[in-house]
């Protein structure tokens, strides 16, 4: 609950609803949502720590995007379709990003 309260919600209720839906997709048969079911929130709180300040915004965004994709793939056991659902992108889009960033499973 603290993770939900501490997170910014610029999209308000819609963003909160999407976040909970993603968490439900991750928790599977479990009836209890835990912080690990909200990896996208955990990273939003600390993903920028350690980024090279000399890099441009575009370069920093690529680093963040790559890490989010890696985390989604880890959470789904490398299943691209499930990771794409979690990230709310098409499977083809995710596949293209995996190729672009040289992510291996």
PDB file of N, CA and C in Angstrom:
ATOM      1  N   UNK A   1       0.819  -1.187   0.000  1.00  0.00           N
ATOM      2  CA  UNK A   1       0.000   0.000   0.000  1.00  0.00           C
ATOM      3  C   UNK A   1       0.869   1.259   0.000  1.00  0.00           C
ATOM      4  N   UNK A   2       1.990   1.227   0.722  1.00  0.00           N
ATOM      5  CA  UNK A   2       2.881   2.389   0.778  1.00  0.00           C
ATOM      6  C   UNK A   2       3.409   2.743  -0.607  1.00  0.00           C
ATOM      7  N   UNK A   3       3.679   1.719  -1.403  1.00  0.00           N
ATOM      8  CA  UNK A   3       4.186   1.953  -2.753  1.00  0.00           C
ATOM      9  C   UNK A   3       3.152   2.711  -3.585  1.00  0.00           C
ATOM     10  N   UNK A   4       1.902   2.353  -3.445  1.00  0.00           N
ATOM     11  CA  UNK A   4       0.840   3.040  -4.187  1.00  0.00           C
ATOM     12  C   UNK A   4       0.665   4.476  -3.710  1.00  0.00           C
ATOM     13  N   UNK A   5       0.743   4.669  -2.408  1.00  0.00           N
ATOM     14  CA  UNK A   5       0.575   6.014  -1.847  1.00  0.00           C
ATOM     15  C   UNK A   5       1.751   6.910  -2.219  1.00  0.00           C
ATOM     16  N   UNK A   6       2.969   6.345  -2.239  1.00  0.00           N
ATOM     17  CA  UNK A   6       4.174   7.135  -2.500  1.00  0.00           C
ATOM     18  C   UNK A   6       4.360   7.470  -3.975  1.00  0.00           C
ATOM     19  N   UNK A   7       3.653   6.782  -4.843  1.00  0.00           N
ATOM     20  CA  UNK A   7       3.833   6.985  -6.281  1.00  0.00           C
ATOM     21  C   UNK A   7       3.040   8.181  -6.777  1.00  0.00           C
ATOM     22  N   UNK A   8       3.643   8.937  -7.710  1.00  0.00           N
ATOM     23  CA  UNK A   8       2.889  10.046  -8.308  1.00  0.00           C
ATOM     24  C   UNK A   8       1.868   9.474  -9.296  1.00  0.00           C
ATOM     25  N   UNK A   9       0.737  10.077  -9.399  1.00  0.00           N
ATOM     26  CA  UNK A   9      -0.295   9.606 -10.319  1.00  0.00           C
ATOM     27  C   UNK A   9      -0.716  10.745 -11.251  1.00  0.00           C
ATOM     28  N   UNK A  10       0.157  11.098 -12.209  1.00  0.00           N
ATOM     29  CA  UNK A  10      -0.188  12.202 -13.106  1.00  0.00           C
ATOM     30  C   UNK A  10      -1.418  11.896 -13.961  1.00  0.00           C
ATOM     31  N   UNK A  11      -1.673  10.610 -14.195  1.00  0.00           N
ATOM     32  CA  UNK A  11      -2.853  10.220 -14.968  1.00  0.00           C
ATOM     33  C   UNK A  11      -4.058   9.964 -14.091  1.00  0.00           C
ATOM     34  N   UNK A  12      -3.913  10.251 -12.804  1.00  0.00           N
ATOM     35  CA  UNK A  12      -4.983  10.108 -11.823  1.00  0.00           C
ATOM     36  C   UNK A  12      -5.565   8.696 -11.783  1.00  0.00           C
ATOM     37  N   UNK A  13      -6.873   8.589 -11.725  1.00  0.00           N
ATOM     38  CA  UNK A  13      -7.537   7.305 -11.520  1.00  0.00           C
ATOM     39  C   UNK A  13      -7.237   6.330 -12.652  1.00  0.00           C
ATOM     40  N   UNK A  14      -7.187   6.807 -13.863  1.00  0.00           N
ATOM     41  CA  UNK A  14      -6.926   5.938 -15.012  1.00  0.00           C
ATOM     42  C   UNK A  14      -5.556   5.276 -14.889  1.00  0.00           C
ATOM     43  N   UNK A  15      -4.561   6.041 -14.499  1.00  0.00           N
ATOM     44  CA  UNK A  15      -3.217   5.491 -14.347  1.00  0.00           C
ATOM     45  C   UNK A  15      -3.161   4.498 -13.186  1.00  0.00           C
ATOM     46  N   UNK A  16      -3.813   4.807 -12.096  1.00  0.00           N
ATOM     47  CA  UNK A  16      -3.875   3.894 -10.953  1.00  0.00           C
ATOM     48  C   UNK A  16      -4.554   2.591 -11.358  1.00  0.00           C
ATOM     49  N   UNK A  17      -5.646   2.692 -12.082  1.00  0.00           N
ATOM     50  CA  UNK A  17      -6.369   1.510 -12.546  1.00  0.00           C
ATOM     51  C   UNK A  17      -5.476   0.643 -13.439  1.00  0.00           C
ATOM     52  N   UNK A  18      -4.758   1.252 -14.379  1.00  0.00           N
ATOM     53  CA  UNK A  18      -3.850   0.505 -15.253  1.00  0.00           C
ATOM     54  C   UNK A  18      -2.744  -0.169 -14.457  1.00  0.00           C
ATOM     55  N   UNK A  19      -2.243   0.515 -13.454  1.00  0.00           N
ATOM     56  CA  UNK A  19      -1.187  -0.039 -12.616  1.00  0.00           C
ATOM     57  C   UNK A  19      -1.675  -1.279 -11.873  1.00  0.00           C
ATOM     58  N   UNK A  20      -2.873  -1.210 -11.354  1.00  0.00           N
ATOM     59  CA  UNK A  20      -3.437  -2.357 -10.633  1.00  0.00           C
ATOM     60  C   UNK A  20      -3.713  -3.507 -11.593  1.00  0.00           C
ATOM     61  N   UNK A  21      -4.185  -3.209 -12.798  1.00  0.00           N
ATOM     62  CA  UNK A  21      -4.417  -4.259 -13.795  1.00  0.00           C
ATOM     63  C   UNK A  21      -3.111  -4.961 -14.162  1.00  0.00           C
ATOM     64  N   UNK A  22      -2.022  -4.209 -14.318  1.00  0.00           N
ATOM     65  CA  UNK A  22      -0.716  -4.812 -14.604  1.00  0.00           C
ATOM     66  C   UNK A  22      -0.290  -5.719 -13.457  1.00  0.00           C
ATOM     67  N   UNK A  23      -0.477  -5.237 -12.241  1.00  0.00           N
ATOM     68  CA  UNK A  23      -0.101  -6.020 -11.063  1.00  0.00           C
ATOM     69  C   UNK A  23      -0.908  -7.311 -10.997  1.00  0.00           C
ATOM     70  N   UNK A  24      -2.185  -7.243 -11.316  1.00  0.00           N
ATOM     71  CA  UNK A  24      -3.021  -8.442 -11.310  1.00  0.00           C
ATOM     72  C   UNK A  24      -2.547  -9.447 -12.356  1.00  0.00           C
ATOM     73  N   UNK A  25      -2.089  -8.954 -13.507  1.00  0.00           N
ATOM     74  CA  UNK A  25      -1.558  -9.843 -14.538  1.00  0.00           C
ATOM     75  C   UNK A  25      -0.295 -10.543 -14.047  1.00  0.00           C
ATOM     76  N   UNK A  26       0.498  -9.859 -13.246  1.00  0.00           N
ATOM     77  CA  UNK A  26       1.736 -10.444 -12.725  1.00  0.00           C
ATOM     78  C   UNK A  26       1.502 -11.417 -11.583  1.00  0.00           C
ATOM     79  N   UNK A  27       0.485 -11.190 -10.786  1.00  0.00           N
ATOM     80  CA  UNK A  27       0.316 -12.005  -9.584  1.00  0.00           C
ATOM     81  C   UNK A  27      -0.265 -13.375  -9.882  1.00  0.00           C
ATOM     82  N   UNK A  28      -0.799 -13.578 -11.063  1.00  0.00           N
ATOM     83  CA  UNK A  28      -1.305 -14.895 -11.436  1.00  0.00           C
ATOM     84  C   UNK A  28      -2.447 -15.342 -10.548  1.00  0.00           C
ATOM     85  N   UNK A  29      -2.280 -16.524  -9.931  1.00  0.00           N
ATOM     86  CA  UNK A  29      -3.336 -17.092  -9.096  1.00  0.00           C
ATOM     87  C   UNK A  29      -3.360 -16.527  -7.685  1.00  0.00           C
ATOM     88  N   UNK A  30      -2.348 -15.781  -7.318  1.00  0.00           N
ATOM     89  CA  UNK A  30      -2.295 -15.199  -5.979  1.00  0.00           C
ATOM     90  C   UNK A  30      -3.438 -14.209  -5.800  1.00  0.00           C
ATOM     91  N   UNK A  31      -3.997 -14.190  -4.612  1.00  0.00           N
ATOM     92  CA  UNK A  31      -5.098 -13.262  -4.337  1.00  0.00           C
ATOM     93  C   UNK A  31      -4.615 -12.029  -3.593  1.00  0.00           C
ATOM     94  N   UNK A  32      -3.301 -11.963  -3.355  1.00  0.00           N
ATOM     95  CA  UNK A  32      -2.732 -10.843  -2.611  1.00  0.00           C
ATOM     96  C   UNK A  32      -1.726 -10.124  -3.502  1.00  0.00           C
ATOM     97  N   UNK A  33      -1.913  -8.826  -3.672  1.00  0.00           N
ATOM     98  CA  UNK A  33      -0.956  -8.023  -4.432  1.00  0.00           C
ATOM     99  C   UNK A  33       0.184  -7.617  -3.515  1.00  0.00           C
ATOM    100  N   UNK A  34       1.405  -7.807  -3.999  1.00  0.00           N
ATOM    101  CA  UNK A  34       2.606  -7.484  -3.231  1.00  0.00           C
ATOM    102  C   UNK A  34       3.416  -6.453  -4.005  1.00  0.00           C
ATOM    103  N   UNK A  35       4.373  -5.786  -3.343  1.00  0.00           N
ATOM    104  CA  UNK A  35       5.191  -4.778  -4.038  1.00  0.00           C
ATOM    105  C   UNK A  35       5.873  -5.308  -5.297  1.00  0.00           C
ATOM    106  N   UNK A  36       6.274  -6.578  -5.295  1.00  0.00           N
ATOM    107  CA  UNK A  36       6.941  -7.117  -6.484  1.00  0.00           C
ATOM    108  C   UNK A  36       6.000  -7.223  -7.684  1.00  0.00           C
ATOM    109  N   UNK A  37       4.707  -7.105  -7.466  1.00  0.00           N
ATOM    110  CA  UNK A  37       3.749  -7.104  -8.567  1.00  0.00           C
ATOM    111  C   UNK A  37       3.629  -5.725  -9.218  1.00  0.00           C
ATOM    112  N   UNK A  38       4.354  -4.749  -8.675  1.00  0.00           N
ATOM    113  CA  UNK A  38       4.339  -3.378  -9.193  1.00  0.00           C
ATOM    114  C   UNK A  38       5.752  -2.933  -9.585  1.00  0.00           C
ATOM    115  N   UNK A  39       6.453  -3.698 -10.452  1.00  0.00           N
ATOM    116  CA  UNK A  39       7.830  -3.310 -10.787  1.00  0.00           C
ATOM    117  C   UNK A  39       7.909  -1.945 -11.448  1.00  0.00           C
ATOM    118  N   UNK A  40       6.888  -1.585 -12.190  1.00  0.00           N
ATOM    119  CA  UNK A  40       6.868  -0.286 -12.867  1.00  0.00           C
ATOM    120  C   UNK A  40       6.823   0.860 -11.863  1.00  0.00           C
ATOM    121  N   UNK A  41       6.261   0.646 -10.696  1.00  0.00           N
ATOM    122  CA  UNK A  41       6.233   1.696  -9.674  1.00  0.00           C
ATOM    123  C   UNK A  41       7.541   1.754  -8.912  1.00  0.00           C
ATOM    124  N   UNK A  42       8.105   0.605  -8.628  1.00  0.00           N
ATOM    125  CA  UNK A  42       9.366   0.575  -7.900  1.00  0.00           C
ATOM    126  C   UNK A  42      10.437   1.310  -8.683  1.00  0.00           C
ATOM    127  N   UNK A  43      10.430   1.131  -9.987  1.00  0.00           N
ATOM    128  CA  UNK A  43      11.445   1.792 -10.806  1.00  0.00           C
ATOM    129  C   UNK A  43      11.171   3.275 -10.963  1.00  0.00           C
ATOM    130  N   UNK A  44       9.909   3.636 -10.940  1.00  0.00           N
ATOM    131  CA  UNK A  44       9.616   5.064 -11.089  1.00  0.00           C
ATOM    132  C   UNK A  44      10.120   5.848  -9.889  1.00  0.00           C
ATOM    133  N   UNK A  45      10.324   5.162  -8.771  1.00  0.00           N
ATOM    134  CA  UNK A  45      10.813   5.839  -7.577  1.00  0.00           C
ATOM    135  C   UNK A  45      12.334   5.929  -7.542  1.00  0.00           C
ATOM    136  N   UNK A  46      13.049   5.032  -8.241  1.00  0.00           N
ATOM    137  CA  UNK A  46      14.493   5.055  -8.108  1.00  0.00           C
ATOM    138  C   UNK A  46      15.281   4.713  -9.353  1.00  0.00           C
ATOM    139  N   UNK A  47      14.644   4.612 -10.486  1.00  0.00           N
ATOM    140  CA  UNK A  47      15.338   4.177 -11.692  1.00  0.00           C
ATOM    141  C   UNK A  47      16.353   5.202 -12.184  1.00  0.00           C
ATOM    142  N   UNK A  48      16.182   6.454 -11.845  1.00  0.00           N
ATOM    143  CA  UNK A  48      17.101   7.484 -12.318  1.00  0.00           C
ATOM    144  C   UNK A  48      18.373   7.566 -11.492  1.00  0.00           C
ATOM    145  N   UNK A  49      18.390   6.889 -10.342  1.00  0.00           N
ATOM    146  CA  UNK A  49      19.609   6.869  -9.537  1.00  0.00           C
ATOM    147  C   UNK A  49      20.729   6.213 -10.334  1.00  0.00           C
ATOM    148  N   UNK A  50      21.865   6.832 -10.374  1.00  0.00           N
ATOM    149  CA  UNK A  50      23.019   6.246 -11.038  1.00  0.00           C
ATOM    150  C   UNK A  50      23.104   6.522 -12.526  1.00  0.00           C
ATOM    151  N   UNK A  51      22.158   7.246 -13.101  1.00  0.00           N
ATOM    152  CA  UNK A  51      22.261   7.589 -14.519  1.00  0.00           C
ATOM    153  C   UNK A  51      23.349   8.634 -14.709  1.00  0.00           C
ATOM    154  N   UNK A  52      24.093   8.494 -15.769  1.00  0.00           N
ATOM    155  CA  UNK A  52      25.168   9.427 -16.090  1.00  0.00           C
ATOM    156  C   UNK A  52      24.571  10.795 -16.414  1.00  0.00           C
ATOM    157  N   UNK A  53      24.885  11.779 -15.604  1.00  0.00           N
ATOM    158  CA  UNK A  53      24.304  13.115 -15.773  1.00  0.00           C
ATOM    159  C   UNK A  53      24.781  13.815 -17.042  1.00  0.00           C
ATOM    160  N   UNK A  54      25.874  13.345 -17.628  1.00  0.00           N
ATOM    161  CA  UNK A  54      26.383  13.992 -18.836  1.00  0.00           C
ATOM    162  C   UNK A  54      25.619  13.553 -20.086  1.00  0.00           C
ATOM    163  N   UNK A  55      24.792  12.522 -19.963  1.00  0.00           N
ATOM    164  CA  UNK A  55      24.040  12.043 -21.121  1.00  0.00           C
ATOM    165  C   UNK A  55      22.850  12.949 -21.404  1.00  0.00           C
ATOM    166  N   UNK A  56      22.442  12.940 -22.666  1.00  0.00           N
ATOM    167  CA  UNK A  56      21.277  13.736 -23.073  1.00  0.00           C
ATOM    168  C   UNK A  56      19.998  13.075 -22.561  1.00  0.00           C
ATOM    169  N   UNK A  57      18.922  13.808 -22.620  1.00  0.00           N
ATOM    170  CA  UNK A  57      17.626  13.271 -22.218  1.00  0.00           C
ATOM    171  C   UNK A  57      17.291  12.030 -23.041  1.00  0.00           C
ATOM    172  N   UNK A  58      17.535  12.098 -24.337  1.00  0.00           N
ATOM    173  CA  UNK A  58      17.233  10.977 -25.226  1.00  0.00           C
ATOM    174  C   UNK A  58      18.015   9.727 -24.816  1.00  0.00           C
ATOM    175  N   UNK A  59      19.293   9.895 -24.493  1.00  0.00           N
ATOM    176  CA  UNK A  59      20.117   8.761 -24.067  1.00  0.00           C
ATOM    177  C   UNK A  59      19.635   8.203 -22.728  1.00  0.00           C
ATOM    178  N   UNK A  60      19.264   9.082 -21.814  1.00  0.00           N
ATOM    179  CA  UNK A  60      18.765   8.638 -20.510  1.00  0.00           C
ATOM    180  C   UNK A  60      17.454   7.873 -20.661  1.00  0.00           C
ATOM    181  N   UNK A  61      16.582   8.359 -21.532  1.00  0.00           N
ATOM    182  CA  UNK A  61      15.312   7.682 -21.748  1.00  0.00           C
ATOM    183  C   UNK A  61      15.516   6.285 -22.326  1.00  0.00           C
ATOM    184  N   UNK A  62      16.505   6.140 -23.191  1.00  0.00           N
ATOM    185  CA  UNK A  62      16.801   4.822 -23.751  1.00  0.00           C
ATOM    186  C   UNK A  62      17.279   3.860 -22.668  1.00  0.00           C
ATOM    187  N   UNK A  63      18.113   4.357 -21.754  1.00  0.00           N
ATOM    188  CA  UNK A  63      18.598   3.524 -20.644  1.00  0.00           C
ATOM    189  C   UNK A  63      17.423   3.064 -19.786  1.00  0.00           C
ATOM    190  N   UNK A  64      16.537   3.990 -19.479  1.00  0.00           N
ATOM    191  CA  UNK A  64      15.374   3.675 -18.646  1.00  0.00           C
ATOM    192  C   UNK A  64      14.452   2.694 -19.373  1.00  0.00           C
ATOM    193  N   UNK A  65      14.175   2.955 -20.646  1.00  0.00           N
ATOM    194  CA  UNK A  65      13.293   2.078 -21.415  1.00  0.00           C
ATOM    195  C   UNK A  65      13.866   0.663 -21.492  1.00  0.00           C
ATOM    196  N   UNK A  66      15.156   0.561 -21.747  1.00  0.00           N
ATOM    197  CA  UNK A  66      15.791  -0.754 -21.828  1.00  0.00           C
ATOM    198  C   UNK A  66      15.644  -1.498 -20.505  1.00  0.00           C
ATOM    199  N   UNK A  67      15.868  -0.819 -19.393  1.00  0.00           N
ATOM    200  CA  UNK A  67      15.768  -1.471 -18.089  1.00  0.00           C
ATOM    201  C   UNK A  67      14.335  -1.911 -17.796  1.00  0.00           C
ATOM    202  N   UNK A  68      13.375  -1.114 -18.169  1.00  0.00           N
ATOM    203  CA  UNK A  68      11.971  -1.483 -17.962  1.00  0.00           C
ATOM    204  C   UNK A  68      11.630  -2.733 -18.768  1.00  0.00           C
ATOM    205  N   UNK A  69      12.121  -2.810 -19.989  1.00  0.00           N
ATOM    206  CA  UNK A  69      11.874  -3.984 -20.834  1.00  0.00           C
ATOM    207  C   UNK A  69      12.538  -5.213 -20.232  1.00  0.00           C
ATOM    208  N   UNK A  70      13.775  -5.072 -19.796  1.00  0.00           N
ATOM    209  CA  UNK A  70      14.485  -6.193 -19.170  1.00  0.00           C
ATOM    210  C   UNK A  70      13.720  -6.681 -17.942  1.00  0.00           C
ATOM    211  N   UNK A  71      13.276  -5.761 -17.120  1.00  0.00           N
ATOM    212  CA  UNK A  71      12.531  -6.128 -15.913  1.00  0.00           C
ATOM    213  C   UNK A  71      11.233  -6.853 -16.256  1.00  0.00           C
ATOM    214  N   UNK A  72      10.523  -6.367 -17.268  1.00  0.00           N
ATOM    215  CA  UNK A  72       9.269  -7.013 -17.672  1.00  0.00           C
ATOM    216  C   UNK A  72       9.531  -8.425 -18.181  1.00  0.00           C
ATOM    217  N   UNK A  73      10.599  -8.597 -18.940  1.00  0.00           N
ATOM    218  CA  UNK A  73      10.943  -9.929 -19.439  1.00  0.00           C
ATOM    219  C   UNK A  73      11.332 -10.861 -18.300  1.00  0.00           C
ATOM    220  N   UNK A  74      12.055 -10.341 -17.316  1.00  0.00           N
ATOM    221  CA  UNK A  74      12.417 -11.159 -16.159  1.00  0.00           C
ATOM    222  C   UNK A  74      11.172 -11.566 -15.385  1.00  0.00           C
ATOM    223  N   UNK A  75      10.265 -10.648 -15.203  1.00  0.00           N
ATOM    224  CA  UNK A  75       9.034 -10.920 -14.445  1.00  0.00           C
ATOM    225  C   UNK A  75       8.152 -11.958 -15.142  1.00  0.00           C
ATOM    226  N   UNK A  76       8.234 -12.015 -16.462  1.00  0.00           N
ATOM    227  CA  UNK A  76       7.378 -12.933 -17.217  1.00  0.00           C
ATOM    228  C   UNK A  76       8.127 -14.171 -17.690  1.00  0.00           C
ATOM    229  N   UNK A  77       9.304 -14.384 -17.164  1.00  0.00           N
ATOM    230  CA  UNK A  77      10.073 -15.563 -17.552  1.00  0.00           C
ATOM    231  C   UNK A  77      10.501 -15.542 -19.002  1.00  0.00           C
ATOM    232  N   UNK A  78      10.706 -14.352 -19.555  1.00  0.00           N
ATOM    233  CA  UNK A  78      11.158 -14.226 -20.938  1.00  0.00           C
ATOM    234  C   UNK A  78      10.050 -14.336 -21.974  1.00  0.00           C
ATOM    235  N   UNK A  79       8.817 -14.381 -21.534  1.00  0.00           N
ATOM    236  CA  UNK A  79       7.684 -14.508 -22.459  1.00  0.00           C
ATOM    237  C   UNK A  79       7.339 -13.133 -23.035  1.00  0.00           C
ATOM    238  N   UNK A  80       7.652 -12.969 -24.307  1.00  0.00           N
ATOM    239  CA  UNK A  80       7.502 -11.668 -24.955  1.00  0.00           C
ATOM    240  C   UNK A  80       6.039 -11.222 -24.997  1.00  0.00           C
ATOM    241  N   UNK A  81       5.139 -12.129 -25.312  1.00  0.00           N
ATOM    242  CA  UNK A  81       3.727 -11.758 -25.393  1.00  0.00           C
ATOM    243  C   UNK A  81       3.218 -11.255 -24.050  1.00  0.00           C
ATOM    244  N   UNK A  82       3.560 -11.964 -22.994  1.00  0.00           N
ATOM    245  CA  UNK A  82       3.104 -11.554 -21.653  1.00  0.00           C
ATOM    246  C   UNK A  82       3.765 -10.236 -21.231  1.00  0.00           C
ATOM    247  N   UNK A  83       5.055 -10.085 -21.553  1.00  0.00           N
ATOM    248  CA  UNK A  83       5.757  -8.838 -21.227  1.00  0.00           C
ATOM    249  C   UNK A  83       5.141  -7.667 -21.994  1.00  0.00           C
ATOM    250  N   UNK A  84       4.774  -7.898 -23.248  1.00  0.00           N
ATOM    251  CA  UNK A  84       4.133  -6.846 -24.047  1.00  0.00           C
ATOM    252  C   UNK A  84       2.803  -6.436 -23.421  1.00  0.00           C
ATOM    253  N   UNK A  85       2.050  -7.411 -22.944  1.00  0.00           N
ATOM    254  CA  UNK A  85       0.784  -7.097 -22.271  1.00  0.00           C
ATOM    255  C   UNK A  85       1.042  -6.282 -21.009  1.00  0.00           C
ATOM    256  N   UNK A  86       2.043  -6.684 -20.255  1.00  0.00           N
ATOM    257  CA  UNK A  86       2.387  -5.980 -19.025  1.00  0.00           C
ATOM    258  C   UNK A  86       2.761  -4.525 -19.311  1.00  0.00           C
ATOM    259  N   UNK A  87       3.486  -4.316 -20.401  1.00  0.00           N
ATOM    260  CA  UNK A  87       3.948  -2.978 -20.764  1.00  0.00           C
ATOM    261  C   UNK A  87       2.925  -2.207 -21.603  1.00  0.00           C
ATOM    262  N   UNK A  88       1.844  -2.873 -21.950  1.00  0.00           N
ATOM    263  CA  UNK A  88       0.779  -2.260 -22.745  1.00  0.00           C
ATOM    264  C   UNK A  88       1.287  -1.778 -24.103  1.00  0.00           C
ATOM    265  N   UNK A  89       2.054  -2.652 -24.765  1.00  0.00           N
ATOM    266  CA  UNK A  89       2.517  -2.407 -26.131  1.00  0.00           C
ATOM    267  C   UNK A  89       2.242  -3.668 -26.940  1.00  0.00           C
ATOM    268  N   UNK A  90       2.320  -3.561 -28.258  1.00  0.00           N
ATOM    269  CA  UNK A  90       2.120  -4.753 -29.081  1.00  0.00           C
ATOM    270  C   UNK A  90       3.343  -5.656 -28.975  1.00  0.00           C
ATOM    271  N   UNK A  91       3.128  -6.924 -29.275  1.00  0.00           N
ATOM    272  CA  UNK A  91       4.231  -7.885 -29.246  1.00  0.00           C
ATOM    273  C   UNK A  91       5.307  -7.469 -30.251  1.00  0.00           C
ATOM    274  N   UNK A  92       4.882  -7.023 -31.428  1.00  0.00           N
ATOM    275  CA  UNK A  92       5.836  -6.606 -32.463  1.00  0.00           C
ATOM    276  C   UNK A  92       6.657  -5.406 -32.006  1.00  0.00           C
ATOM    277  N   UNK A  93       6.009  -4.448 -31.360  1.00  0.00           N
ATOM    278  CA  UNK A  93       6.728  -3.274 -30.864  1.00  0.00           C
ATOM    279  C   UNK A  93       7.784  -3.695 -29.840  1.00  0.00           C
ATOM    280  N   UNK A  94       7.396  -4.567 -28.925  1.00  0.00           N
ATOM    281  CA  UNK A  94       8.347  -5.031 -27.919  1.00  0.00           C
ATOM    282  C   UNK A  94       9.488  -5.804 -28.571  1.00  0.00           C
ATOM    283  N   UNK A  95       9.169  -6.640 -29.536  1.00  0.00           N
ATOM    284  CA  UNK A  95      10.210  -7.397 -30.245  1.00  0.00           C
ATOM    285  C   UNK A  95      11.200  -6.439 -30.921  1.00  0.00           C
ATOM    286  N   UNK A  96      10.696  -5.390 -31.536  1.00  0.00           N
ATOM    287  CA  UNK A  96      11.572  -4.401 -32.178  1.00  0.00           C
ATOM    288  C   UNK A  96      12.475  -3.708 -31.163  1.00  0.00           C
ATOM    289  N   UNK A  97      11.932  -3.380 -29.996  1.00  0.00           N
ATOM    290  CA  UNK A  97      12.728  -2.732 -28.945  1.00  0.00           C
ATOM    291  C   UNK A  97      13.791  -3.685 -28.406  1.00  0.00           C
ATOM    292  N   UNK A  98      13.438  -4.948 -28.247  1.00  0.00           N
ATOM    293  CA  UNK A  98      14.399  -5.950 -27.774  1.00  0.00           C
ATOM    294  C   UNK A  98      15.565  -6.030 -28.754  1.00  0.00           C
ATOM    295  N   UNK A  99      15.245  -6.035 -30.037  1.00  0.00           N
ATOM    296  CA  UNK A  99      16.281  -6.078 -31.076  1.00  0.00           C
ATOM    297  C   UNK A  99      17.109  -4.793 -31.060  1.00  0.00           C
ATOM    298  N   UNK A 100      16.442  -3.644 -30.959  1.00  0.00           N
ATOM    299  CA  UNK A 100      17.118  -2.344 -30.954  1.00  0.00           C
ATOM    300  C   UNK A 100      18.130  -2.242 -29.814  1.00  0.00           C
ATOM    301  N   UNK A 101      17.749  -2.728 -28.631  1.00  0.00           N
ATOM    302  CA  UNK A 101      18.616  -2.613 -27.459  1.00  0.00           C
ATOM    303  C   UNK A 101      19.550  -3.809 -27.280  1.00  0.00           C
ATOM    304  N   UNK A 102      19.443  -4.798 -28.160  1.00  0.00           N
ATOM    305  CA  UNK A 102      20.324  -5.958 -28.059  1.00  0.00           C
ATOM    306  C   UNK A 102      20.081  -6.787 -26.811  1.00  0.00           C
ATOM    307  N   UNK A 103      18.835  -6.853 -26.387  1.00  0.00           N
ATOM    308  CA  UNK A 103      18.483  -7.614 -25.185  1.00  0.00           C
ATOM    309  C   UNK A 103      18.401  -9.087 -25.556  1.00  0.00           C
ATOM    310  N   UNK A 104      19.082  -9.909 -24.784  1.00  0.00           N
ATOM    311  CA  UNK A 104      19.036 -11.353 -25.008  1.00  0.00           C
ATOM    312  C   UNK A 104      18.289 -12.016 -23.867  1.00  0.00           C
ATOM    313  N   UNK A 105      17.618 -13.104 -24.187  1.00  0.00           N
ATOM    314  CA  UNK A 105      16.850 -13.788 -23.138  1.00  0.00           C
ATOM    315  C   UNK A 105      17.616 -14.920 -22.507  1.00  0.00           C
TER     316      UNK A 105
END
